[in-house]
Amino acid sequence: MTNRSKSRQESNVVHIRASIDGEPARILLQLKDRGIIRSYVDGICQGLLALWRDVLKRELEEAQLNASKRLAEE
């Protein structure tokens, strides 16, 4: 691991320069107009956190299902 990649992992900062178009852009614009997000960065961060919660929930449900199956087999 290089010093540069190590320092990025320790600082938990990611720099992104990108354009968003189509439906994701429309969603961001509507959320900002409604006052649900303060900025586009805020919207992206909230979206990533929501995605992460969904992934963790799905993984937890899968683990619970697998545990139930193992108990039923015993």
PDB file of N, CA and C in Angstrom:
ATOM      1  N   MET A   1       0.840  -1.168   0.000  1.00  0.00           N
ATOM      2  CA  MET A   1       0.000   0.000   0.000  1.00  0.00           C
ATOM      3  C   MET A   1       0.893   1.242   0.000  1.00  0.00           C
ATOM      4  N   THR A   2       0.591   2.157  -0.871  1.00  0.00           N
ATOM      5  CA  THR A   2       1.396   3.373  -0.944  1.00  0.00           C
ATOM      6  C   THR A   2       1.004   4.334   0.169  1.00  0.00           C
ATOM      7  N   ASN A   3       1.877   5.280   0.425  1.00  0.00           N
ATOM      8  CA  ASN A   3       1.573   6.288   1.448  1.00  0.00           C
ATOM      9  C   ASN A   3       0.327   7.072   1.086  1.00  0.00           C
ATOM     10  N   ARG A   4       0.168   7.335  -0.208  1.00  0.00           N
ATOM     11  CA  ARG A   4      -0.984   8.123  -0.648  1.00  0.00           C
ATOM     12  C   ARG A   4      -2.297   7.390  -0.376  1.00  0.00           C
ATOM     13  N   SER A   5      -2.380   6.098  -0.739  1.00  0.00           N
ATOM     14  CA  SER A   5      -3.619   5.357  -0.507  1.00  0.00           C
ATOM     15  C   SER A   5      -3.843   5.132   0.984  1.00  0.00           C
ATOM     16  N   LYS A   6      -2.775   4.964   1.751  1.00  0.00           N
ATOM     17  CA  LYS A   6      -2.919   4.795   3.192  1.00  0.00           C
ATOM     18  C   LYS A   6      -3.480   6.068   3.820  1.00  0.00           C
ATOM     19  N   SER A   7      -2.977   7.211   3.408  1.00  0.00           N
ATOM     20  CA  SER A   7      -3.459   8.459   3.994  1.00  0.00           C
ATOM     21  C   SER A   7      -4.920   8.712   3.610  1.00  0.00           C
ATOM     22  N   ARG A   8      -5.341   8.297   2.430  1.00  0.00           N
ATOM     23  CA  ARG A   8      -6.748   8.456   2.032  1.00  0.00           C
ATOM     24  C   ARG A   8      -7.648   7.614   2.905  1.00  0.00           C
ATOM     25  N   GLN A   9      -7.234   6.393   3.201  1.00  0.00           N
ATOM     26  CA  GLN A   9      -8.054   5.526   4.034  1.00  0.00           C
ATOM     27  C   GLN A   9      -8.168   6.074   5.447  1.00  0.00           C
ATOM     28  N   GLU A  10      -7.107   6.652   5.956  1.00  0.00           N
ATOM     29  CA  GLU A  10      -7.128   7.180   7.309  1.00  0.00           C
ATOM     30  C   GLU A  10      -7.961   8.444   7.416  1.00  0.00           C
ATOM     31  N   SER A  11      -8.023   9.237   6.362  1.00  0.00           N
ATOM     32  CA  SER A  11      -8.734  10.503   6.436  1.00  0.00           C
ATOM     33  C   SER A  11     -10.219  10.378   6.093  1.00  0.00           C
ATOM     34  N   ASN A  12     -10.632   9.277   5.457  1.00  0.00           N
ATOM     35  CA  ASN A  12     -12.026   9.076   5.060  1.00  0.00           C
ATOM     36  C   ASN A  12     -12.567  10.231   4.233  1.00  0.00           C
ATOM     37  N   VAL A  13     -11.788  10.693   3.284  1.00  0.00           N
ATOM     38  CA  VAL A  13     -12.204  11.763   2.383  1.00  0.00           C
ATOM     39  C   VAL A  13     -12.068  11.270   0.958  1.00  0.00           C
ATOM     40  N   VAL A  14     -13.112  11.501   0.160  1.00  0.00           N
ATOM     41  CA  VAL A  14     -13.082  11.138  -1.251  1.00  0.00           C
ATOM     42  C   VAL A  14     -13.464  12.385  -2.036  1.00  0.00           C
ATOM     43  N   HIS A  15     -12.664  12.719  -3.022  1.00  0.00           N
ATOM     44  CA  HIS A  15     -12.957  13.863  -3.876  1.00  0.00           C
ATOM     45  C   HIS A  15     -13.536  13.348  -5.188  1.00  0.00           C
ATOM     46  N   ILE A  16     -14.693  13.885  -5.553  1.00  0.00           N
ATOM     47  CA  ILE A  16     -15.366  13.450  -6.780  1.00  0.00           C
ATOM     48  C   ILE A  16     -15.722  14.687  -7.596  1.00  0.00           C
ATOM     49  N   ARG A  17     -15.373  14.643  -8.851  1.00  0.00           N
ATOM     50  CA  ARG A  17     -15.800  15.700  -9.773  1.00  0.00           C
ATOM     51  C   ARG A  17     -16.561  14.985 -10.883  1.00  0.00           C
ATOM     52  N   ALA A  18     -17.874  15.179 -10.892  1.00  0.00           N
ATOM     53  CA  ALA A  18     -18.702  14.437 -11.844  1.00  0.00           C
ATOM     54  C   ALA A  18     -19.947  15.236 -12.201  1.00  0.00           C
ATOM     55  N   SER A  19     -20.513  14.913 -13.335  1.00  0.00           N
ATOM     56  CA  SER A  19     -21.802  15.462 -13.754  1.00  0.00           C
ATOM     57  C   SER A  19     -22.832  14.358 -13.630  1.00  0.00           C
ATOM     58  N   ILE A  20     -24.014  14.721 -13.193  1.00  0.00           N
ATOM     59  CA  ILE A  20     -25.101  13.755 -13.052  1.00  0.00           C
ATOM     60  C   ILE A  20     -26.217  14.203 -13.979  1.00  0.00           C
ATOM     61  N   ASP A  21     -26.727  13.254 -14.766  1.00  0.00           N
ATOM     62  CA  ASP A  21     -27.811  13.609 -15.684  1.00  0.00           C
ATOM     63  C   ASP A  21     -28.931  12.592 -15.572  1.00  0.00           C
ATOM     64  N   GLY A  22     -29.986  12.852 -16.295  1.00  0.00           N
ATOM     65  CA  GLY A  22     -31.108  11.930 -16.316  1.00  0.00           C
ATOM     66  C   GLY A  22     -31.916  11.958 -15.024  1.00  0.00           C
ATOM     67  N   GLU A  23     -32.520  10.825 -14.700  1.00  0.00           N
ATOM     68  CA  GLU A  23     -33.399  10.742 -13.533  1.00  0.00           C
ATOM     69  C   GLU A  23     -32.689  11.072 -12.219  1.00  0.00           C
ATOM     70  N   PRO A  24     -31.455  10.588 -11.984  1.00  0.00           N
ATOM     71  CA  PRO A  24     -30.786  10.983 -10.739  1.00  0.00           C
ATOM     72  C   PRO A  24     -30.656  12.502 -10.599  1.00  0.00           C
ATOM     73  N   ALA A  25     -30.396  13.207 -11.702  1.00  0.00           N
ATOM     74  CA  ALA A  25     -30.304  14.668 -11.657  1.00  0.00           C
ATOM     75  C   ALA A  25     -31.662  15.280 -11.336  1.00  0.00           C
ATOM     76  N   ARG A  26     -32.724  14.764 -11.950  1.00  0.00           N
ATOM     77  CA  ARG A  26     -34.074  15.266 -11.669  1.00  0.00           C
ATOM     78  C   ARG A  26     -34.429  15.066 -10.196  1.00  0.00           C
ATOM     79  N   ILE A  27     -34.050  13.914  -9.655  1.00  0.00           N
ATOM     80  CA  ILE A  27     -34.329  13.631  -8.246  1.00  0.00           C
ATOM     81  C   ILE A  27     -33.596  14.633  -7.356  1.00  0.00           C
ATOM     82  N   LEU A  28     -32.320  14.866  -7.626  1.00  0.00           N
ATOM     83  CA  LEU A  28     -31.549  15.829  -6.836  1.00  0.00           C
ATOM     84  C   LEU A  28     -32.174  17.215  -6.896  1.00  0.00           C
ATOM     85  N   LEU A  29     -32.555  17.640  -8.096  1.00  0.00           N
ATOM     86  CA  LEU A  29     -33.167  18.966  -8.254  1.00  0.00           C
ATOM     87  C   LEU A  29     -34.464  19.078  -7.456  1.00  0.00           C
ATOM     88  N   GLN A  30     -35.305  18.046  -7.523  1.00  0.00           N
ATOM     89  CA  GLN A  30     -36.570  18.075  -6.796  1.00  0.00           C
ATOM     90  C   GLN A  30     -36.352  18.065  -5.288  1.00  0.00           C
ATOM     91  N   LEU A  31     -35.407  17.249  -4.810  1.00  0.00           N
ATOM     92  CA  LEU A  31     -35.128  17.198  -3.378  1.00  0.00           C
ATOM     93  C   LEU A  31     -34.616  18.543  -2.867  1.00  0.00           C
ATOM     94  N   LYS A  32     -33.782  19.201  -3.670  1.00  0.00           N
ATOM     95  CA  LYS A  32     -33.249  20.512  -3.284  1.00  0.00           C
ATOM     96  C   LYS A  32     -34.368  21.557  -3.295  1.00  0.00           C
ATOM     97  N   ASP A  33     -35.206  21.542  -4.320  1.00  0.00           N
ATOM     98  CA  ASP A  33     -36.325  22.490  -4.401  1.00  0.00           C
ATOM     99  C   ASP A  33     -37.291  22.332  -3.224  1.00  0.00           C
ATOM    100  N   ARG A  34     -37.477  21.104  -2.770  1.00  0.00           N
ATOM    101  CA  ARG A  34     -38.401  20.840  -1.662  1.00  0.00           C
ATOM    102  C   ARG A  34     -37.762  21.101  -0.299  1.00  0.00           C
ATOM    103  N   GLY A  35     -36.464  21.369  -0.280  1.00  0.00           N
ATOM    104  CA  GLY A  35     -35.774  21.632   0.979  1.00  0.00           C
ATOM    105  C   GLY A  35     -35.411  20.388   1.759  1.00  0.00           C
ATOM    106  N   ILE A  36     -35.477  19.231   1.115  1.00  0.00           N
ATOM    107  CA  ILE A  36     -35.165  17.972   1.789  1.00  0.00           C
ATOM    108  C   ILE A  36     -33.651  17.817   1.935  1.00  0.00           C
ATOM    109  N   ILE A  37     -32.910  18.305   0.959  1.00  0.00           N
ATOM    110  CA  ILE A  37     -31.454  18.317   1.047  1.00  0.00           C
ATOM    111  C   ILE A  37     -30.975  19.759   0.980  1.00  0.00           C
ATOM    112  N   ARG A  38     -29.833  20.026   1.628  1.00  0.00           N
ATOM    113  CA  ARG A  38     -29.295  21.388   1.636  1.00  0.00           C
ATOM    114  C   ARG A  38     -28.474  21.675   0.382  1.00  0.00           C
ATOM    115  N   SER A  39     -27.841  20.621  -0.139  1.00  0.00           N
ATOM    116  CA  SER A  39     -26.980  20.780  -1.303  1.00  0.00           C
ATOM    117  C   SER A  39     -26.968  19.460  -2.064  1.00  0.00           C
ATOM    118  N   TYR A  40     -26.375  19.487  -3.247  1.00  0.00           N
ATOM    119  CA  TYR A  40     -26.281  18.253  -4.030  1.00  0.00           C
ATOM    120  C   TYR A  40     -25.356  17.258  -3.347  1.00  0.00           C
ATOM    121  N   VAL A  41     -24.305  17.750  -2.721  1.00  0.00           N
ATOM    122  CA  VAL A  41     -23.398  16.860  -1.978  1.00  0.00           C
ATOM    123  C   VAL A  41     -24.167  16.198  -0.829  1.00  0.00           C
ATOM    124  N   ASP A  42     -24.989  16.984  -0.135  1.00  0.00           N
ATOM    125  CA  ASP A  42     -25.818  16.441   0.938  1.00  0.00           C
ATOM    126  C   ASP A  42     -26.733  15.346   0.395  1.00  0.00           C
ATOM    127  N   GLY A  43     -27.323  15.570  -0.770  1.00  0.00           N
ATOM    128  CA  GLY A  43     -28.204  14.576  -1.380  1.00  0.00           C
ATOM    129  C   GLY A  43     -27.472  13.291  -1.727  1.00  0.00           C
ATOM    130  N   ILE A  44     -26.292  13.434  -2.295  1.00  0.00           N
ATOM    131  CA  ILE A  44     -25.495  12.251  -2.632  1.00  0.00           C
ATOM    132  C   ILE A  44     -25.118  11.492  -1.369  1.00  0.00           C
ATOM    133  N   CYS A  45     -24.692  12.222  -0.330  1.00  0.00           N
ATOM    134  CA  CYS A  45     -24.321  11.570   0.932  1.00  0.00           C
ATOM    135  C   CYS A  45     -25.507  10.844   1.550  1.00  0.00           C
ATOM    136  N   GLN A  46     -26.674  11.494   1.568  1.00  0.00           N
ATOM    137  CA  GLN A  46     -27.869  10.847   2.117  1.00  0.00           C
ATOM    138  C   GLN A  46     -28.246   9.616   1.300  1.00  0.00           C
ATOM    139  N   GLY A  47     -28.107   9.707  -0.014  1.00  0.00           N
ATOM    140  CA  GLY A  47     -28.411   8.561  -0.868  1.00  0.00           C
ATOM    141  C   GLY A  47     -27.473   7.394  -0.606  1.00  0.00           C
ATOM    142  N   LEU A  48     -26.195   7.682  -0.429  1.00  0.00           N
ATOM    143  CA  LEU A  48     -25.230   6.620  -0.137  1.00  0.00           C
ATOM    144  C   LEU A  48     -25.505   5.984   1.219  1.00  0.00           C
ATOM    145  N   LEU A  49     -25.853   6.806   2.204  1.00  0.00           N
ATOM    146  CA  LEU A  49     -26.170   6.260   3.522  1.00  0.00           C
ATOM    147  C   LEU A  49     -27.423   5.384   3.461  1.00  0.00           C
ATOM    148  N   ALA A  50     -28.422   5.799   2.698  1.00  0.00           N
ATOM    149  CA  ALA A  50     -29.639   4.994   2.545  1.00  0.00           C
ATOM    150  C   ALA A  50     -29.324   3.676   1.836  1.00  0.00           C
ATOM    151  N   LEU A  51     -28.505   3.733   0.806  1.00  0.00           N
ATOM    152  CA  LEU A  51     -28.096   2.513   0.102  1.00  0.00           C
ATOM    153  C   LEU A  51     -27.358   1.584   1.054  1.00  0.00           C
ATOM    154  N   TRP A  52     -26.455   2.139   1.860  1.00  0.00           N
ATOM    155  CA  TRP A  52     -25.676   1.338   2.803  1.00  0.00           C
ATOM    156  C   TRP A  52     -26.601   0.664   3.822  1.00  0.00           C
ATOM    157  N   ARG A  53     -27.600   1.408   4.335  1.00  0.00           N
ATOM    158  CA  ARG A  53     -28.562   0.816   5.272  1.00  0.00           C
ATOM    159  C   ARG A  53     -29.324  -0.334   4.612  1.00  0.00           C
ATOM    160  N   ASP A  54     -29.726  -0.157   3.356  1.00  0.00           N
ATOM    161  CA  ASP A  54     -30.436  -1.222   2.633  1.00  0.00           C
ATOM    162  C   ASP A  54     -29.564  -2.460   2.465  1.00  0.00           C
ATOM    163  N   VAL A  55     -28.301  -2.254   2.131  1.00  0.00           N
ATOM    164  CA  VAL A  55     -27.375  -3.380   1.956  1.00  0.00           C
ATOM    165  C   VAL A  55     -27.194  -4.119   3.278  1.00  0.00           C
ATOM    166  N   LEU A  56     -26.974  -3.374   4.363  1.00  0.00           N
ATOM    167  CA  LEU A  56     -26.798  -4.011   5.671  1.00  0.00           C
ATOM    168  C   LEU A  56     -28.054  -4.753   6.099  1.00  0.00           C
ATOM    169  N   LYS A  57     -29.219  -4.160   5.843  1.00  0.00           N
ATOM    170  CA  LYS A  57     -30.481  -4.819   6.189  1.00  0.00           C
ATOM    171  C   LYS A  57     -30.639  -6.122   5.413  1.00  0.00           C
ATOM    172  N   ARG A  58     -30.321  -6.089   4.125  1.00  0.00           N
ATOM    173  CA  ARG A  58     -30.416  -7.286   3.294  1.00  0.00           C
ATOM    174  C   ARG A  58     -29.451  -8.364   3.785  1.00  0.00           C
ATOM    175  N   GLU A  59     -28.229  -7.963   4.139  1.00  0.00           N
ATOM    176  CA  GLU A  59     -27.244  -8.920   4.631  1.00  0.00           C
ATOM    177  C   GLU A  59     -27.684  -9.517   5.966  1.00  0.00           C
ATOM    178  N   LEU A  60     -28.261  -8.702   6.842  1.00  0.00           N
ATOM    179  CA  LEU A  60     -28.751  -9.191   8.125  1.00  0.00           C
ATOM    180  C   LEU A  60     -29.883 -10.184   7.912  1.00  0.00           C
ATOM    181  N   GLU A  61     -30.821  -9.861   7.032  1.00  0.00           N
ATOM    182  CA  GLU A  61     -31.934 -10.769   6.750  1.00  0.00           C
ATOM    183  C   GLU A  61     -31.426 -12.087   6.186  1.00  0.00           C
ATOM    184  N   GLU A  62     -30.429 -12.025   5.313  1.00  0.00           N
ATOM    185  CA  GLU A  62     -29.855 -13.250   4.740  1.00  0.00           C
ATOM    186  C   GLU A  62     -29.172 -14.071   5.824  1.00  0.00           C
ATOM    187  N   ALA A  63     -28.449 -13.430   6.718  1.00  0.00           N
ATOM    188  CA  ALA A  63     -27.778 -14.143   7.806  1.00  0.00           C
ATOM    189  C   ALA A  63     -28.800 -14.783   8.737  1.00  0.00           C
ATOM    190  N   GLN A  64     -29.895 -14.074   9.016  1.00  0.00           N
ATOM    191  CA  GLN A  64     -30.948 -14.624   9.864  1.00  0.00           C
ATOM    192  C   GLN A  64     -31.610 -15.826   9.205  1.00  0.00           C
ATOM    193  N   LEU A  65     -31.842 -15.736   7.910  1.00  0.00           N
ATOM    194  CA  LEU A  65     -32.438 -16.845   7.177  1.00  0.00           C
ATOM    195  C   LEU A  65     -31.526 -18.059   7.209  1.00  0.00           C
ATOM    196  N   ASN A  66     -30.230 -17.845   6.973  1.00  0.00           N
ATOM    197  CA  ASN A  66     -29.272 -18.948   7.005  1.00  0.00           C
ATOM    198  C   ASN A  66     -29.191 -19.572   8.396  1.00  0.00           C
ATOM    199  N   ALA A  67     -29.241 -18.740   9.432  1.00  0.00           N
ATOM    200  CA  ALA A  67     -29.212 -19.257  10.798  1.00  0.00           C
ATOM    201  C   ALA A  67     -30.467 -20.078  11.088  1.00  0.00           C
ATOM    202  N   SER A  68     -31.621 -19.617  10.624  1.00  0.00           N
ATOM    203  CA  SER A  68     -32.875 -20.350  10.817  1.00  0.00           C
ATOM    204  C   SER A  68     -32.826 -21.693  10.109  1.00  0.00           C
ATOM    205  N   LYS A  69     -32.270 -21.707   8.894  1.00  0.00           N
ATOM    206  CA  LYS A  69     -32.156 -22.962   8.151  1.00  0.00           C
ATOM    207  C   LYS A  69     -31.252 -23.945   8.878  1.00  0.00           C
ATOM    208  N   ARG A  70     -30.133 -23.441   9.430  1.00  0.00           N
ATOM    209  CA  ARG A  70     -29.215 -24.330  10.158  1.00  0.00           C
ATOM    210  C   ARG A  70     -29.891 -24.898  11.408  1.00  0.00           C
ATOM    211  N   LEU A  71     -30.661 -24.062  12.106  1.00  0.00           N
ATOM    212  CA  LEU A  71     -31.360 -24.551  13.293  1.00  0.00           C
ATOM    213  C   LEU A  71     -32.413 -25.590  12.921  1.00  0.00           C
ATOM    214  N   ALA A  72     -33.092 -25.378  11.807  1.00  0.00           N
ATOM    215  CA  ALA A  72     -34.129 -26.321  11.386  1.00  0.00           C
ATOM    216  C   ALA A  72     -33.535 -27.664  10.978  1.00  0.00           C
ATOM    217  N   GLU A  73     -32.303 -27.648  10.486  1.00  0.00           N
ATOM    218  CA  GLU A  73     -31.646 -28.890  10.068  1.00  0.00           C
ATOM    219  C   GLU A  73     -31.158 -29.705  11.251  1.00  0.00           C
ATOM    220  N   GLU A  74     -30.982 -29.062  12.404  1.00  0.00           N
ATOM    221  CA  GLU A  74     -30.460 -29.778  13.583  1.00  0.00           C
ATOM    222  C   GLU A  74     -31.499 -30.574  14.282  1.00  0.00           C
TER     223      GLU A  74
END
